[in-house]
Amino acid sequence: METLDKFPKGKILIIDDEKMLLELFRRILTTYGFAVDVAESAKQGIKKIHTIKYNLIFTDIKMPGMSGHELFDYVKKNVDQAIPIIAMSGTPWLLKNSNFDAVIAKPFCKEEMLDMVHQFIQEPEPQ
């Protein structure tokens, strides 16, 4: 298993209770050179956030236990206000006035996800 430090483009955490989506996101983003970590719940995601410094977090909104809103509040208050957090939702219009750094509507295509990632993670300069 490769460590997340071997990926120069950035470290991304994806939190969603749908395992199939997590694997799909992981495959797409690692293909493009990003380190991807996944969590099946907000609580599992918080544990990872305390051990790894991520450049970007995607979170589903409706999950059992802790919602994406609660995760956002926890991370911004207790971990790092600067970590961009993108909400993923099948009802994005309900998040119009939310504090998330961005919102992406589910389902979305690979290009939409990559565009969103590139808004928050800049490509490293060639050396």
Foldseek 3Di string as FASTA:
>chain_A
DDDQVVQVQWEEEEEALDPVVLVVVCVLVVVVRHHYDYYNHLVRVVVVLVVDPGQEYEYEADDPPDGPLRSLVCCCVPNNVNHQYEYEYCCCVVCPPPPHPYYDYPPDDSVVVVVVVCVRTPGDDDD
